[in-house]
Amino acid sequence: MITNQIIQTSIDELHVLTKVEFAVFEINGECVATTNTEIAGDPAILSSFIASPADSQIIGNSHLLKIVDDGEIAYILIAKGSGTDTYVMGKIAVSQIKNLMIAYKERFDRNNFFQSLLLDNLLLVDIFNRAKKLHIDIEMVRTIFLIEIQSEKNSEASEMLRGLFSVQSGDYVTSVDANSIVLIKALEPDNQAEQMENIASTIVDMMNTEALANVRVAYGNPVNHLKDVSKSYKEARMAMDVGKIFYVERKLVSYATLGIGRLIYQLPVSLCQIFVKEIFGDQIPEELDEETLTTVHKFFENNLNVSETSRQLFVHRNTLVYRIEKLQKATGLDIRVFDDAMTLEIALMVVNYMRYLDSVG
């Protein structure tokens, strides 16, 4: 529903332009906005006016007008002025407030629709019928961007996104929980992967600069039909979770580039435990020293190149070889061999996944 502040801003602007005083009252006689606190809404007069079939009434130099929403009286507006055009100004005020109410109601209805759509709470026939009523295109290339941000910044970030991505372009902003925002973004038919990456980068840069907020952005694959938007949302949600487990350093995570992390995320816990036991025995990676783990990760980053890794770690080549051989004795894996390196990389990712499950369980 439209807020009192929105109504107040609207009549303040009209007052500046017309010099007419305005006041808006609820049907119970409570004043919700006014440009002059001396304008009183007599309960008896308001009650009598509400009961009458007339849309307007003149009392002295004041005009009373009804603001109707869906056939029901929502507010009473009083326009007070000495000019002959006071009534006309009152009608303009009524029209503006009614249009604001329609716009906010449509925004609320769209928000409710997209929340239900994302959570798979709509039947196919309901999707078609409600989309038609809300003037939402059924067939359009869209994808979901999930923006995770601190809850206290959620409202501010939502308004920024609404300013950047407009409904007129087919974009919608909503949320399904307190810590994340969902952007349903329309895409051009060509270069969709590049478009999505650019949009995600823009969001991160904007939030860091204007909202001073640390955000993570994940996005799903594009879909061509409105009914498949929930699929893209599930992909974005998985990308966010997988990113926090395996790709902590990334601020942007795409479902299409999750790689082996997506596979591990979907493995049963029992299978993960068996695999880790087979690889590490009783010495699981959390018992490996930080130096060894750093060496392993840097060695993988440099495509198993001993010389480049030793240079980046600022250690002698023989020192690096010693660490690799020490790891080989502990795990039976020689990470200078591709198959063993791949096995260890997967095993470390599985361990991270199990730690994540323990932390959320």
Protein backbone atom coordinates (compact mmCIF):
# COMPACT_ATOMS: atom_id res chain seq x y z
CA MET A 1 0.00 0.00 0.00
CA ILE A 2 1.11 3.57 -0.66
CA THR A 3 2.82 5.12 2.36
CA ASN A 4 1.82 8.33 4.13
CA GLN A 5 5.21 9.80 3.21
CA ILE A 6 4.52 9.33 -0.50
CA ILE A 7 1.18 11.12 -0.16
CA GLN A 8 2.82 13.91 1.84
CA THR A 9 5.50 14.43 -0.81
CA SER A 10 2.86 14.49 -3.54
CA ILE A 11 0.66 17.16 -1.95
CA ASP A 12 3.71 19.21 -0.90
CA GLU A 13 4.80 19.40 -4.55
CA LEU A 14 1.30 20.35 -5.66
CA HIS A 15 1.08 23.02 -2.97
CA VAL A 16 4.31 24.62 -4.17
CA LEU A 17 2.97 24.76 -7.73
CA THR A 18 -0.64 25.80 -7.01
CA LYS A 19 -0.51 27.59 -3.62
CA VAL A 20 -3.59 25.55 -2.66
CA GLU A 21 -3.55 23.89 0.76
CA PHE A 22 -4.23 20.15 0.85
CA ALA A 23 -4.99 17.58 3.51
CA VAL A 24 -5.66 13.86 3.14
CA PHE A 25 -7.70 11.90 5.69
CA GLU A 26 -8.47 8.23 6.14
CA ILE A 27 -12.15 7.33 6.36
CA ASN A 28 -11.83 7.06 10.15
CA GLY A 29 -10.91 10.75 10.25
CA GLU A 30 -7.17 10.32 10.86
CA CYS A 31 -4.99 12.79 8.96
CA VAL A 32 -2.30 11.02 6.94
CA ALA A 33 -0.77 14.08 5.19
CA THR A 34 -1.29 17.84 5.15
CA THR A 35 0.31 21.03 3.90
CA ASN A 36 -1.39 23.05 6.65
CA THR A 37 -1.97 21.66 10.12
CA GLU A 38 -4.86 24.11 10.60
CA ILE A 39 -7.00 22.15 8.12
CA ALA A 40 -9.20 20.07 10.39
CA GLY A 41 -11.23 17.09 9.36
CA ASP A 42 -14.46 17.30 11.34
CA PRO A 43 -15.46 13.66 11.98
CA ALA A 44 -19.16 14.42 11.57
CA ILE A 45 -18.65 16.24 8.25
CA LEU A 46 -16.33 13.52 6.93
CA SER A 47 -18.73 10.78 7.98
CA SER A 48 -21.67 12.55 6.31
CA PHE A 49 -19.66 13.10 3.12
CA ILE A 50 -18.54 9.46 3.00
CA ALA A 51 -22.14 8.30 3.32
CA SER A 52 -23.34 10.58 0.52
CA PRO A 53 -23.30 9.50 -3.15
CA ALA A 54 -21.54 12.73 -4.18
CA ASP A 55 -17.87 12.64 -5.25
CA SER A 56 -17.24 16.17 -3.97
CA GLN A 57 -18.63 18.73 -1.56
CA ILE A 58 -18.00 22.43 -0.87
CA ILE A 59 -17.79 23.79 2.67
CA GLY A 60 -16.81 27.46 2.77
CA ASN A 61 -13.57 27.81 0.78
CA SER A 62 -12.78 24.11 1.14
CA HIS A 63 -13.53 21.33 -1.33
CA LEU A 64 -13.93 17.75 -0.09
CA LEU A 65 -13.19 15.04 -2.66
CA LYS A 66 -13.24 11.27 -2.46
CA ILE A 67 -10.23 9.17 -3.48
CA VAL A 68 -11.63 5.82 -4.60
CA ASP A 69 -9.70 2.58 -5.02
CA ASP A 70 -11.38 -0.46 -6.62
CA GLY A 71 -14.79 1.01 -5.94
CA GLU A 72 -14.06 1.66 -2.26
CA ILE A 73 -13.33 5.02 -0.64
CA ALA A 74 -9.68 4.98 0.40
CA TYR A 75 -9.14 8.61 1.44
CA ILE A 76 -10.83 11.99 1.66
CA LEU A 77 -8.93 14.96 0.24
CA ILE A 78 -9.59 18.53 1.33
CA ALA A 79 -8.41 21.31 -0.99
CA LYS A 80 -8.52 24.79 0.55
CA GLY A 81 -7.94 28.05 -1.32
CA SER A 82 -9.46 31.35 -2.29
CA GLY A 83 -9.13 30.94 -6.04
CA THR A 84 -11.86 29.69 -8.39
CA ASP A 85 -9.59 26.90 -9.56
CA THR A 86 -9.27 25.28 -6.11
CA TYR A 87 -11.68 22.53 -7.10
CA VAL A 88 -9.68 21.78 -10.26
CA MET A 89 -6.48 21.63 -8.24
CA GLY A 90 -8.20 19.26 -5.84
CA LYS A 91 -9.20 16.99 -8.73
CA ILE A 92 -5.61 17.00 -9.97
CA ALA A 93 -4.42 16.00 -6.50
CA VAL A 94 -6.99 13.19 -6.36
CA SER A 95 -5.90 11.95 -9.79
CA GLN A 96 -2.22 12.00 -8.83
CA ILE A 97 -2.77 10.09 -5.59
CA LYS A 98 -4.96 7.52 -7.39
CA ASN A 99 -2.26 6.98 -10.01
CA LEU A 100 0.34 6.54 -7.28
CA MET A 101 -1.89 3.98 -5.56
CA ILE A 102 -2.30 2.06 -8.81
CA ALA A 103 1.44 2.10 -9.46
CA TYR A 104 2.32 0.91 -5.96
CA LYS A 105 -0.38 -1.75 -6.02
CA GLU A 106 0.91 -3.03 -9.36
CA ARG A 107 4.43 -3.08 -7.96
CA PHE A 108 3.20 -5.04 -4.94
CA ASP A 109 1.28 -7.47 -7.14
CA ARG A 110 4.29 -7.98 -9.39
CA ASN A 111 6.52 -8.50 -6.37
CA ASN A 112 4.14 -11.11 -4.99
CA PHE A 113 3.91 -12.78 -8.40
CA PHE A 114 7.68 -13.06 -8.88
CA GLN A 115 8.22 -14.32 -5.33
CA SER A 116 5.69 -17.10 -5.95
CA LEU A 117 7.20 -17.79 -9.37
CA LEU A 118 10.76 -18.10 -8.02
CA LEU A 119 9.65 -20.46 -5.26
CA ASP A 120 7.62 -22.67 -7.63
CA ASN A 121 4.34 -21.83 -5.89
CA LEU A 122 2.32 -21.25 -9.08
CA LEU A 123 0.57 -23.60 -11.47
CA LEU A 124 1.36 -23.16 -15.15
CA VAL A 125 -2.10 -21.75 -15.89
CA ASP A 126 -1.70 -19.23 -13.05
CA ILE A 127 1.62 -18.08 -14.46
CA PHE A 128 0.03 -17.31 -17.82
CA ASN A 129 -3.08 -15.64 -16.38
CA ARG A 130 -1.31 -13.45 -13.81
CA ALA A 131 1.48 -12.48 -16.20
CA LYS A 132 -1.11 -11.31 -18.72
CA LYS A 133 -2.93 -9.28 -16.07
CA LEU A 134 0.34 -7.67 -14.88
CA HIS A 135 1.53 -6.98 -18.45
CA ILE A 136 4.60 -9.21 -18.13
CA ASP A 137 5.96 -10.79 -21.32
CA ILE A 138 5.77 -14.59 -21.31
CA GLU A 139 8.50 -15.22 -23.88
CA MET A 140 11.63 -13.20 -23.24
CA VAL A 141 15.24 -14.18 -22.56
CA ARG A 142 15.84 -13.70 -18.84
CA THR A 143 18.28 -14.77 -16.18
CA ILE A 144 18.41 -14.51 -12.39
CA PHE A 145 21.03 -12.55 -10.48
CA LEU A 146 21.20 -13.29 -6.77
CA ILE A 147 22.82 -10.50 -4.75
CA GLU A 148 23.83 -11.39 -1.20
CA ILE A 149 24.28 -8.39 1.08
CA GLN A 150 24.11 -7.52 4.79
CA SER A 151 20.46 -7.31 5.90
CA GLU A 152 20.80 -3.68 7.09
CA LYS A 153 21.79 -2.66 3.55
CA ASN A 154 19.05 -4.68 1.83
CA SER A 155 16.48 -1.91 1.43
CA GLU A 156 19.02 0.65 0.20
CA ALA A 157 20.49 -1.82 -2.27
CA SER A 158 17.03 -2.78 -3.58
CA GLU A 159 16.22 0.85 -4.39
CA MET A 160 19.57 1.29 -6.13
CA LEU A 161 18.90 -1.74 -8.29
CA ARG A 162 15.40 -0.51 -9.15
CA GLY A 163 16.95 2.77 -10.26
CA LEU A 164 19.50 0.98 -12.42
CA PHE A 165 17.25 -1.71 -13.91
CA SER A 166 13.81 -0.51 -14.96
CA VAL A 167 10.49 -2.32 -15.32
CA GLN A 168 10.14 -0.72 -18.76
CA SER A 169 13.15 -2.78 -19.89
CA GLY A 170 11.59 -5.97 -18.56
CA ASP A 171 13.68 -6.06 -15.37
CA TYR A 172 12.26 -6.74 -11.90
CA VAL A 173 13.77 -6.60 -8.42
CA THR A 174 12.40 -8.64 -5.53
CA SER A 175 13.59 -10.71 -2.57
CA VAL A 176 12.77 -14.00 -0.91
CA ASP A 177 14.77 -13.60 2.30
CA ALA A 178 16.36 -10.88 4.43
CA ASN A 179 19.95 -11.31 3.25
CA SER A 180 19.63 -11.41 -0.52
CA ILE A 181 18.04 -9.57 -3.43
CA VAL A 182 16.84 -11.15 -6.66
CA LEU A 183 17.19 -9.37 -9.99
CA ILE A 184 15.16 -10.86 -12.83
CA LYS A 185 17.04 -9.44 -15.81
CA ALA A 186 15.95 -9.34 -19.44
CA LEU A 187 18.79 -10.06 -21.88
CA GLU A 188 19.53 -9.32 -25.51
CA PRO A 189 19.57 -12.41 -27.74
CA ASP A 190 23.31 -12.17 -28.56
CA ASN A 191 26.44 -12.48 -26.38
CA GLN A 192 24.46 -13.46 -23.30
CA ALA A 193 27.46 -14.76 -21.34
CA GLU A 194 29.27 -11.46 -21.81
CA GLN A 195 26.12 -9.50 -20.92
CA MET A 196 25.65 -11.42 -17.67
CA GLU A 197 29.26 -11.00 -16.60
CA ASN A 198 29.11 -7.25 -17.30
CA ILE A 199 25.85 -6.86 -15.38
CA ALA A 200 27.23 -8.78 -12.39
CA SER A 201 30.40 -6.62 -12.41
CA THR A 202 28.29 -3.46 -12.57
CA ILE A 203 26.25 -4.54 -9.55
CA VAL A 204 29.34 -5.32 -7.47
CA ASP A 205 31.02 -2.04 -8.41
CA MET A 206 27.89 -0.01 -7.67
CA MET A 207 27.30 -1.63 -4.27
CA ASN A 208 30.93 -1.22 -3.27
CA THR A 209 31.02 2.42 -4.35
CA GLU A 210 27.57 3.81 -3.51
CA ALA A 211 26.23 1.53 -0.77
CA LEU A 212 29.67 0.81 0.73
CA ALA A 213 28.54 -2.78 1.01
CA ASN A 214 30.45 -6.00 0.49
CA VAL A 215 28.38 -8.15 -1.86
CA ARG A 216 28.52 -11.46 -3.67
CA VAL A 217 26.66 -11.96 -6.94
CA ALA A 218 25.68 -15.30 -8.42
CA TYR A 219 23.67 -15.91 -11.56
CA GLY A 220 22.02 -18.80 -13.36
CA ASN A 221 21.72 -19.70 -17.03
CA PRO A 222 19.41 -17.73 -19.35
CA VAL A 223 15.89 -19.07 -19.94
CA ASN A 224 13.56 -18.24 -22.80
CA HIS A 225 10.21 -18.59 -21.05
CA LEU A 226 8.72 -17.05 -17.92
CA LYS A 227 7.80 -20.46 -16.48
CA ASP A 228 11.50 -21.43 -16.43
CA VAL A 229 12.62 -18.44 -14.35
CA SER A 230 12.49 -20.59 -11.19
CA LYS A 231 15.04 -22.93 -12.80
CA SER A 232 17.48 -20.04 -13.29
CA TYR A 233 16.83 -18.96 -9.67
CA LYS A 234 17.71 -22.45 -8.38
CA GLU A 235 20.90 -22.35 -10.45
CA ALA A 236 21.83 -18.94 -9.05
CA ARG A 237 21.13 -20.18 -5.51
CA MET A 238 23.36 -23.21 -6.07
CA ALA A 239 26.05 -21.01 -7.59
CA MET A 240 25.97 -18.80 -4.48
CA ASP A 241 26.31 -21.79 -2.12
CA VAL A 242 29.01 -23.50 -4.19
CA GLY A 243 30.92 -20.23 -4.52
CA LYS A 244 31.01 -19.75 -0.74
CA ILE A 245 32.39 -23.26 -0.28
CA PHE A 246 34.93 -23.65 -3.09
CA TYR A 247 35.56 -20.18 -4.55
CA VAL A 248 35.63 -17.91 -1.51
CA GLU A 249 37.80 -15.30 -3.21
CA ARG A 250 35.31 -14.73 -6.04
CA LYS A 251 32.73 -11.94 -5.85
CA LEU A 252 31.01 -13.12 -9.06
CA VAL A 253 29.94 -16.72 -9.50
CA SER A 254 28.23 -18.13 -12.58
CA TYR A 255 26.38 -21.44 -12.52
CA ALA A 256 27.84 -22.25 -15.94
CA THR A 257 31.43 -22.04 -14.61
CA LEU A 258 31.09 -23.95 -11.33
CA GLY A 259 32.95 -26.91 -12.78
CA ILE A 260 33.69 -29.79 -10.45
CA GLY A 261 32.46 -27.82 -7.45
CA ARG A 262 28.89 -28.27 -8.65
CA LEU A 263 29.38 -32.04 -8.89
CA ILE A 264 30.83 -32.30 -5.38
CA TYR A 265 28.01 -30.13 -3.97
CA GLN A 266 25.50 -32.73 -5.12
CA LEU A 267 27.32 -35.77 -3.72
CA PRO A 268 25.82 -37.67 -0.75
CA VAL A 269 27.70 -37.06 2.51
CA SER A 270 28.35 -40.76 3.00
CA LEU A 271 30.11 -40.97 -0.36
CA CYS A 272 32.24 -37.93 0.49
CA GLN A 273 33.31 -39.51 3.78
CA ILE A 274 34.31 -42.75 2.06
CA PHE A 275 36.31 -40.88 -0.58
CA VAL A 276 38.20 -38.74 1.95
CA LYS A 277 38.97 -41.80 4.06
CA GLU A 278 40.36 -43.63 1.02
CA ILE A 279 42.64 -40.72 0.10
CA PHE A 280 43.85 -39.47 3.46
CA GLY A 281 43.23 -42.32 5.87
CA ASP A 282 43.35 -40.96 9.41
CA GLN A 283 45.25 -37.79 8.44
CA ILE A 284 42.58 -35.54 6.93
CA PRO A 285 43.69 -32.21 5.35
CA GLU A 286 42.71 -30.07 8.33
CA GLU A 287 45.62 -31.78 10.10
CA LEU A 288 48.04 -30.80 7.33
CA ASP A 289 50.11 -27.75 8.19
CA GLU A 290 49.33 -24.39 6.59
CA GLU A 291 52.68 -24.34 4.78
CA THR A 292 51.89 -27.59 2.97
CA LEU A 293 48.40 -26.49 1.99
CA THR A 294 49.72 -23.15 0.67
CA THR A 295 52.35 -25.00 -1.33
CA VAL A 296 49.75 -27.33 -2.84
CA HIS A 297 47.37 -24.53 -3.86
CA LYS A 298 50.17 -22.46 -5.39
CA PHE A 299 51.51 -25.52 -7.24
CA PHE A 300 48.04 -26.11 -8.74
CA GLU A 301 47.68 -22.43 -9.68
CA ASN A 302 50.91 -22.70 -11.67
CA ASN A 303 49.87 -25.84 -13.57
CA LEU A 304 52.28 -28.14 -11.69
CA ASN A 305 55.29 -26.03 -12.69
CA VAL A 306 57.96 -26.50 -10.01
CA SER A 307 60.19 -23.60 -11.08
CA GLU A 308 57.41 -21.01 -11.25
CA THR A 309 55.88 -22.16 -7.97
CA SER A 310 59.20 -21.98 -6.11
CA ARG A 311 59.75 -18.49 -7.52
CA GLN A 312 56.33 -17.25 -6.34
CA LEU A 313 56.76 -18.84 -2.93
CA PHE A 314 60.26 -17.38 -2.60
CA VAL A 315 61.78 -20.77 -1.79
CA HIS A 316 64.55 -22.81 -3.38
CA ARG A 317 63.48 -25.41 -5.93
CA ASN A 318 64.88 -28.19 -3.72
CA THR A 319 62.83 -26.90 -0.77
CA LEU A 320 59.67 -27.13 -2.86
CA VAL A 321 60.54 -30.65 -4.01
CA TYR A 322 61.15 -31.62 -0.37
CA ARG A 323 57.66 -30.38 0.59
CA ILE A 324 56.07 -32.26 -2.31
CA GLU A 325 57.86 -35.47 -1.33
CA LYS A 326 56.84 -35.00 2.30
CA LEU A 327 53.21 -34.72 1.17
CA GLN A 328 53.64 -37.83 -0.96
CA LYS A 329 54.77 -39.82 2.08
CA ALA A 330 51.75 -38.60 4.07
CA THR A 331 49.09 -39.19 1.39
CA GLY A 332 50.62 -41.54 -1.16
CA LEU A 333 50.00 -38.87 -3.85
CA ASP A 334 52.74 -37.30 -5.95
CA ILE A 335 51.23 -34.01 -7.10
CA ARG A 336 53.88 -33.69 -9.81
CA VAL A 337 51.86 -36.41 -11.58
CA PHE A 338 48.66 -35.06 -13.15
CA ASP A 339 46.36 -37.86 -11.96
CA ASP A 340 47.59 -37.58 -8.38
CA ALA A 341 47.32 -33.79 -8.49
CA MET A 342 43.73 -34.05 -9.72
CA THR A 343 42.89 -36.57 -7.02
CA LEU A 344 44.28 -34.35 -4.27
CA GLU A 345 42.54 -31.24 -5.64
CA ILE A 346 39.18 -33.03 -5.63
CA ALA A 347 39.83 -34.46 -2.18
CA LEU A 348 40.58 -31.02 -0.74
CA MET A 349 37.37 -29.66 -2.28
CA VAL A 350 35.39 -32.54 -0.77
CA VAL A 351 36.87 -31.77 2.64
CA ASN A 352 35.85 -28.11 2.28
CA TYR A 353 32.34 -29.24 1.39
CA MET A 354 32.12 -31.47 4.46
CA ARG A 355 33.34 -28.62 6.68
CA TYR A 356 30.63 -26.42 5.19
CA LEU A 357 27.96 -29.03 5.95
CA ASP A 358 29.21 -29.23 9.54
CA SER A 359 29.08 -25.43 9.91
CA VAL A 360 25.47 -25.16 8.68
CA GLY A 361 24.29 -28.35 10.33
